C-alpha atoms as a PDB file:
ATOM      1  CA  MET A   1      56.111  15.170  70.780  1.00  0.00           C
ATOM      2  CA  ARG A   2      52.480  15.232  71.161  1.00  0.00           C
ATOM      3  CA  GLY A   3      52.175  17.534  68.111  1.00  0.00           C
ATOM      4  CA  ARG A   4      54.231  15.160  66.033  1.00  0.00           C
ATOM      5  CA  THR A   5      52.118  12.216  67.073  1.00  0.00           C
ATOM      6  CA  MET A   6      49.006  14.059  66.096  1.00  0.00           C
ATOM      7  CA  VAL A   7      50.454  15.009  62.733  1.00  0.00           C
ATOM      8  CA  ARG A   8      51.570  11.419  62.238  1.00  0.00           C
ATOM      9  CA  THR A   9      48.114  10.143  63.207  1.00  0.00           C
ATOM     10  CA  PHE A  10      46.459  12.547  60.783  1.00  0.00           C
ATOM     11  CA  ALA A  11      48.895  11.560  58.044  1.00  0.00           C
ATOM     12  CA  ILE A  12      48.195   7.856  58.615  1.00  0.00           C
ATOM     13  CA  ALA A  13      44.455   8.522  58.715  1.00  0.00           C
ATOM     14  CA  ALA A  14      44.650  10.537  55.489  1.00  0.00           C
ATOM     15  CA  LEU A  15      46.710   7.812  53.836  1.00  0.00           C
ATOM     16  CA  LEU A  16      44.232   5.122  54.941  1.00  0.00           C
ATOM     17  CA  LEU A  17      41.337   7.270  53.750  1.00  0.00           C
ATOM     18  CA  CYS A  18      42.977   7.717  50.313  1.00  0.00           C
ATOM     19  CA  ALA A  19      43.642   3.982  50.068  1.00  0.00           C
ATOM     20  CA  TRP A  20      40.049   3.200  51.055  1.00  0.00           C
ATOM     21  CA  VAL A  21      38.645   5.715  48.505  1.00  0.00           C
ATOM     22  CA  SER A  22      40.994   4.315  45.859  1.00  0.00           C
ATOM     23  CA  MET A  23      39.820   0.773  46.550  1.00  0.00           C
ATOM     24  CA  ALA A  24      36.187   1.857  46.648  1.00  0.00           C
ATOM     25  CA  THR A  25      36.421   3.415  43.160  1.00  0.00           C
ATOM     26  CA  ALA A  26      38.497   0.678  41.574  1.00  0.00           C
ATOM     27  CA  GLN A  27      36.850  -0.688  38.407  1.00  0.00           C
ATOM     28  CA  VAL A  28      35.691  -4.298  38.382  1.00  0.00           C
ATOM     29  CA  LEU A  29      34.399  -5.857  35.151  1.00  0.00           C
ATOM     30  CA  SER A  30      32.393  -9.019  34.665  1.00  0.00           C
ATOM     31  CA  GLY A  31      32.750 -11.462  31.822  1.00  0.00           C
ATOM     32  CA  THR A  32      30.847 -10.733  28.587  1.00  0.00           C
ATOM     33  CA  GLY A  33      27.474 -11.980  27.373  1.00  0.00           C
ATOM     34  CA  SER A  34      26.209 -12.166  23.790  1.00  0.00           C
ATOM     35  CA  VAL A  35      22.849 -11.302  22.254  1.00  0.00           C
ATOM     36  CA  ASN A  36      21.961 -12.528  18.767  1.00  0.00           C
ATOM     37  CA  LEU A  37      19.806 -10.102  16.760  1.00  0.00           C
ATOM     38  CA  ASN A  38      17.420 -11.240  14.026  1.00  0.00           C
ATOM     39  CA  ALA A  39      15.316  -8.662  12.147  1.00  0.00           C
ATOM     40  CA  THR A  40      12.823  -9.325   9.373  1.00  0.00           C
ATOM     41  CA  LEU A  41      11.130  -6.749   7.171  1.00  0.00           C
ATOM     42  CA  ALA A  42       8.248  -8.444   5.381  1.00  0.00           C
ATOM     43  CA  GLN A  43       7.341  -7.607   1.817  1.00  0.00           C
ATOM     44  CA  SER A  44       4.426  -5.229   1.478  1.00  0.00           C
ATOM     45  CA  LEU A  45       1.992  -4.163  -1.206  1.00  0.00           C
ATOM     46  CA  SER A  46      -0.904  -1.758  -0.704  1.00  0.00           C
ATOM     47  CA  ILE A  47      -3.240   0.493  -2.647  1.00  0.00           C
ATOM     48  CA  SER A  48      -5.408   3.415  -1.686  1.00  0.00           C
ATOM     49  CA  VAL A  49      -7.866   5.586  -3.553  1.00  0.00           C
ATOM     50  CA  THR A  50      -6.615   9.086  -2.753  1.00  0.00           C
ATOM     51  CA  SER A  51      -9.249  10.917  -4.787  1.00  0.00           C
ATOM     52  CA  GLY A  52     -12.366  10.029  -6.741  1.00  0.00           C
ATOM     53  CA  SER A  53     -13.741   7.365  -4.418  1.00  0.00           C
ATOM     54  CA  THR A  54     -17.202   8.303  -5.732  1.00  0.00           C
ATOM     55  CA  VAL A  55     -17.663   8.774  -9.469  1.00  0.00           C
ATOM     56  CA  ASN A  56     -20.937  10.146 -10.856  1.00  0.00           C
ATOM     57  CA  PHE A  57     -22.307   9.656 -14.384  1.00  0.00           C
ATOM     58  CA  THR A  58     -25.117  11.443 -16.192  1.00  0.00           C
ATOM     59  CA  LEU A  59     -26.450   8.663 -18.418  1.00  0.00           C
ATOM     60  CA  THR A  60     -28.098   9.021 -21.808  1.00  0.00           C
ATOM     61  CA  ASN A  61     -29.568   6.030 -23.631  1.00  0.00           C
ATOM     62  CA  GLY A  62     -27.593   5.246 -26.756  1.00  0.00           C
ATOM     63  CA  ALA A  63     -24.498   7.248 -25.724  1.00  0.00           C
ATOM     64  CA  ALA A  64     -21.336   7.036 -23.635  1.00  0.00           C
ATOM     65  CA  ALA A  65     -21.107   9.035 -20.397  1.00  0.00           C
ATOM     66  CA  ASN A  66     -17.765   9.869 -18.793  1.00  0.00           C
ATOM     67  CA  GLY A  67     -17.369   9.899 -15.024  1.00  0.00           C
ATOM     68  CA  ASN A  68     -17.190  13.335 -13.441  1.00  0.00           C
ATOM     69  CA  VAL A  69     -13.772  12.746 -11.795  1.00  0.00           C
ATOM     70  CA  PRO A  70     -10.852  10.360 -12.289  1.00  0.00           C
ATOM     71  CA  VAL A  71     -10.134   7.730  -9.662  1.00  0.00           C
ATOM     72  CA  VAL A  72      -6.639   8.432  -8.317  1.00  0.00           C
ATOM     73  CA  VAL A  73      -5.027   5.163  -7.225  1.00  0.00           C
ATOM     74  CA  GLN A  74      -1.818   5.139  -5.196  1.00  0.00           C
ATOM     75  CA  THR A  75       0.101   1.858  -5.104  1.00  0.00           C
ATOM     76  CA  THR A  76       2.964   1.389  -2.639  1.00  0.00           C
ATOM     77  CA  TRP A  77       5.270  -1.587  -2.418  1.00  0.00           C
ATOM     78  CA  ASN A  78       8.450  -2.816  -0.767  1.00  0.00           C
ATOM     79  CA  LEU A  79       9.346  -6.111  -2.438  1.00  0.00           C
ATOM     80  CA  SER A  80      12.230  -8.533  -2.820  1.00  0.00           C
ATOM     81  CA  THR A  81      13.472  -8.759  -6.404  1.00  0.00           C
ATOM     82  CA  LEU A  82      14.475 -12.363  -5.633  1.00  0.00           C
ATOM     83  CA  LEU A  83      10.818 -13.280  -5.031  1.00  0.00           C
ATOM     84  CA  VAL A  84       8.771 -10.861  -7.149  1.00  0.00           C
ATOM     85  CA  GLY A  85       9.082  -9.933 -10.819  1.00  0.00           C
ATOM     86  CA  ALA A  86       6.165  -7.557 -11.373  1.00  0.00           C
ATOM     87  CA  VAL A  87       3.316  -5.603  -9.781  1.00  0.00           C
ATOM     88  CA  SER A  88      -0.048  -5.437 -11.540  1.00  0.00           C
ATOM     89  CA  LEU A  89      -3.200  -3.465 -10.775  1.00  0.00           C
ATOM     90  CA  TYR A  90      -6.672  -4.759 -11.664  1.00  0.00           C
ATOM     91  CA  GLY A  91     -10.215  -3.460 -11.410  1.00  0.00           C
ATOM     92  CA  TYR A  92     -13.208  -5.778 -11.246  1.00  0.00           C
ATOM     93  CA  PHE A  93     -16.894  -6.132 -10.453  1.00  0.00           C
ATOM     94  CA  GLY A  94     -17.987  -8.918  -8.097  1.00  0.00           C
ATOM     95  CA  THR A  95     -20.947  -9.869 -10.321  1.00  0.00           C
ATOM     96  CA  PRO A  96     -20.214  -8.825 -13.913  1.00  0.00           C
ATOM     97  CA  SER A  97     -23.824  -9.255 -15.049  1.00  0.00           C
ATOM     98  CA  GLN A  98     -24.915  -6.806 -12.328  1.00  0.00           C
ATOM     99  CA  ALA A  99     -22.079  -4.274 -12.120  1.00  0.00           C
ATOM    100  CA  LEU A 100     -24.588  -1.514 -11.322  1.00  0.00           C
ATOM    101  CA  ALA A 101     -28.223  -1.996 -10.259  1.00  0.00           C
ATOM    102  CA  ASP A 102     -31.184   0.322  -9.811  1.00  0.00           C
ATOM    103  CA  GLY A 103     -32.913  -1.694  -7.072  1.00  0.00           C
ATOM    104  CA  ALA A 104     -35.853  -2.515  -9.348  1.00  0.00           C
ATOM    105  CA  GLY A 105     -34.193  -5.433 -11.149  1.00  0.00           C
ATOM    106  CA  ASN A 106     -32.477  -3.428 -13.890  1.00  0.00           C
ATOM    107  CA  TYR A 107     -28.726  -3.773 -14.345  1.00  0.00           C
ATOM    108  CA  ILE A 108     -25.734  -2.285 -16.117  1.00  0.00           C
ATOM    109  CA  THR A 109     -23.282  -5.090 -16.916  1.00  0.00           C
ATOM    110  CA  SER A 110     -19.507  -4.798 -16.612  1.00  0.00           C
ATOM    111  CA  SER A 111     -19.319  -4.979 -20.416  1.00  0.00           C
ATOM    112  CA  LEU A 112     -20.901  -1.491 -20.494  1.00  0.00           C
ATOM    113  CA  VAL A 113     -18.455  -0.025 -17.955  1.00  0.00           C
ATOM    114  CA  GLU A 114     -15.136   1.045 -19.451  1.00  0.00           C
ATOM    115  CA  GLY A 115     -11.872   2.215 -17.941  1.00  0.00           C
ATOM    116  CA  ARG A 116      -8.609   3.669 -19.156  1.00  0.00           C
ATOM    117  CA  MET A 117      -5.320   4.408 -17.442  1.00  0.00           C
ATOM    118  CA  LEU A 118      -2.986   6.472 -19.601  1.00  0.00           C
ATOM    119  CA  THR A 119      -0.009   5.474 -17.419  1.00  0.00           C
ATOM    120  CA  GLY A 120      -0.846   1.785 -17.688  1.00  0.00           C
ATOM    121  CA  THR A 121      -1.941  -0.874 -20.155  1.00  0.00           C
ATOM    122  CA  ALA A 122      -5.551   0.259 -20.708  1.00  0.00           C
ATOM    123  CA  LEU A 123      -4.613   3.266 -22.841  1.00  0.00           C
ATOM    124  CA  THR A 124      -8.048   3.548 -24.445  1.00  0.00           C
ATOM    125  CA  TYR A 125     -11.457   2.979 -22.884  1.00  0.00           C
ATOM    126  CA  THR A 126     -11.774  -0.794 -22.465  1.00  0.00           C
ATOM    127  CA  ALA A 127     -14.693  -2.753 -21.016  1.00  0.00           C
ATOM    128  CA  PHE A 128     -14.360  -4.693 -17.753  1.00  0.00           C
ATOM    129  CA  THR A 129     -14.749  -8.053 -19.531  1.00  0.00           C
ATOM    130  CA  GLN A 130     -11.322  -9.626 -19.067  1.00  0.00           C
ATOM    131  CA  THR A 131     -10.494 -12.703 -17.028  1.00  0.00           C
ATOM    132  CA  ASN A 132      -7.495 -11.915 -14.808  1.00  0.00           C
ATOM    133  CA  PRO A 133      -5.816 -13.453 -11.743  1.00  0.00           C
ATOM    134  CA  VAL A 134      -8.114 -11.394  -9.477  1.00  0.00           C
ATOM    135  CA  GLY A 135     -11.855 -10.918  -9.754  1.00  0.00           C
ATOM    136  CA  PRO A 136     -14.448 -13.096 -11.481  1.00  0.00           C
ATOM    137  CA  ALA A 137     -14.188 -14.380 -15.041  1.00  0.00           C
ATOM    138  CA  ALA A 138     -15.218 -11.845 -17.675  1.00  0.00           C
ATOM    139  CA  GLY A 139     -15.562  -9.038 -15.139  1.00  0.00           C
ATOM    140  CA  SER A 140     -12.152  -7.420 -14.725  1.00  0.00           C
ATOM    141  CA  LEU A 141      -9.678  -5.119 -16.443  1.00  0.00           C
ATOM    142  CA  ALA A 142      -5.871  -5.130 -16.214  1.00  0.00           C
ATOM    143  CA  LEU A 143      -4.854  -1.516 -15.546  1.00  0.00           C
ATOM    144  CA  TYR A 144      -1.034  -1.719 -15.415  1.00  0.00           C
ATOM    145  CA  THR A 145       1.896  -4.055 -14.934  1.00  0.00           C
ATOM    146  CA  GLU A 146       5.296  -2.768 -13.807  1.00  0.00           C
ATOM    147  CA  LEU A 147       8.395  -4.929 -13.703  1.00  0.00           C
ATOM    148  CA  VAL A 148      10.143  -4.896 -10.312  1.00  0.00           C
ATOM    149  CA  THR A 149      13.910  -4.381 -10.392  1.00  0.00           C
ATOM    150  CA  ILE A 150      16.523  -3.336  -7.861  1.00  0.00           C
ATOM    151  CA  LEU A 151      15.817   0.274  -8.926  1.00  0.00           C
ATOM    152  CA  ASN A 152      12.106   0.178  -7.988  1.00  0.00           C
ATOM    153  CA  ALA A 153      11.880  -2.606  -5.386  1.00  0.00           C
ATOM    154  CA  SER A 154      10.518   0.036  -3.006  1.00  0.00           C
ATOM    155  CA  LYS A 155       8.183   2.465  -4.735  1.00  0.00           C
ATOM    156  CA  THR A 156       4.984   4.516  -4.605  1.00  0.00           C
ATOM    157  CA  ARG A 157       3.166   5.335  -7.820  1.00  0.00           C
ATOM    158  CA  SER A 158      -0.003   7.304  -8.468  1.00  0.00           C
ATOM    159  CA  ASP A 159      -2.270   6.699 -11.465  1.00  0.00           C
ATOM    160  CA  ASN A 160      -5.538   8.174 -12.757  1.00  0.00           C
ATOM    161  CA  LEU A 161      -8.276   5.747 -13.764  1.00  0.00           C
ATOM    162  CA  ASP A 162     -10.873   7.329 -16.051  1.00  0.00           C
ATOM    163  CA  LEU A 163     -14.263   5.593 -16.135  1.00  0.00           C
ATOM    164  CA  ARG A 164     -17.232   5.772 -18.450  1.00  0.00           C
ATOM    165  CA  ILE A 165     -20.496   3.916 -18.991  1.00  0.00           C
ATOM    166  CA  ASN A 166     -21.086   3.204 -22.653  1.00  0.00           C
ATOM    167  CA  LEU A 167     -24.783   2.779 -23.461  1.00  0.00           C
ATOM    168  CA  THR A 168     -24.249   2.927 -27.233  1.00  0.00           C
ATOM    169  CA  GLY A 169     -26.984   0.725 -28.710  1.00  0.00           C
ATOM    170  CA  GLN A 170     -28.565   0.259 -25.257  1.00  0.00           C
ATOM    171  CA  THR A 171     -31.790   1.457 -23.693  1.00  0.00           C
ATOM    172  CA  LEU A 172     -32.227   1.375 -19.916  1.00  0.00           C
ATOM    173  CA  PRO A 173     -35.200   2.357 -17.781  1.00  0.00           C
ATOM    174  CA  ALA A 174     -34.809   5.652 -15.912  1.00  0.00           C
ATOM    175  CA  GLY A 175     -33.406   5.191 -12.419  1.00  0.00           C
ATOM    176  CA  THR A 176     -30.418   5.598 -10.154  1.00  0.00           C
ATOM    177  CA  TYR A 177     -27.898   2.827 -10.731  1.00  0.00           C
ATOM    178  CA  THR A 178     -25.206   2.080  -8.148  1.00  0.00           C
ATOM    179  CA  GLY A 179     -22.352  -0.393  -7.996  1.00  0.00           C
ATOM    180  CA  VAL A 180     -18.887  -0.991  -6.587  1.00  0.00           C
ATOM    181  CA  LEU A 181     -15.681  -1.311  -8.576  1.00  0.00           C
ATOM    182  CA  THR A 182     -12.986  -3.179  -6.644  1.00  0.00           C
ATOM    183  CA  LEU A 183      -9.315  -2.369  -7.223  1.00  0.00           C
ATOM    184  CA  GLN A 184      -6.585  -4.823  -6.253  1.00  0.00           C
ATOM    185  CA  ALA A 185      -2.831  -4.999  -6.803  1.00  0.00           C
ATOM    186  CA  ARG A 186      -0.932  -8.244  -7.201  1.00  0.00           C
ATOM    187  CA  ALA A 187       2.791  -8.924  -6.968  1.00  0.00           C
ATOM    188  CA  ILE A 188       4.177 -12.082  -8.526  1.00  0.00           C
END
C-alpha cells in the first residue's frame, strides 16, 4: 500500500508540475499601440569640380590662349518634377572688371575670359559677359540648361568646361594674373 501511495504521490506531483509549467509558459498578449511614421527626403542639388580645379594659361599679347586642362564639373540632383522644371549651370566672376589681377593694379576683365561647354549651351567660346540669375550683371555665362522630367528627376551629369583668355587686340603688362571663376547650379 505504501508503494501505491508513493506512486500516487509522484503521479500527483508530476501532474501538478506539468500544470504549473503549462501555466508558466502560457502566452499573454497586451493590447496594441500605433506609431505614425513620417519621412521626408528633401530636394538636393550640388556641383563639384572633379578635375581641373586649377587652369593655367600661357598668355601672348594680341592672341587667344587656351587653358591647359578642361574643368570637369559634376552636377548631381534629386528633384521633384512637381516643383522644378529645369537645372542650369552658370559660371561667373565676382567683379567682372577685375576677373584676374596681377597685384600691381592690372586686370583681365571677364569680357576677355571665354568658356565653352560642348555638352551645354555655350558650344563655341563665349565671353563671361552675360547677365544671368546668378552672379553679377555682365559677368557670367550660362553653360547648360536641362529640363527635369520623371526620367531624370534624380541624375548625375559630368561636363567639360574649356576656358581661354582672348587678348586679341589687347596689350597687357607682363605679370602673373590670378582670379577665381565661380560655378553654380540653379534649379527652378
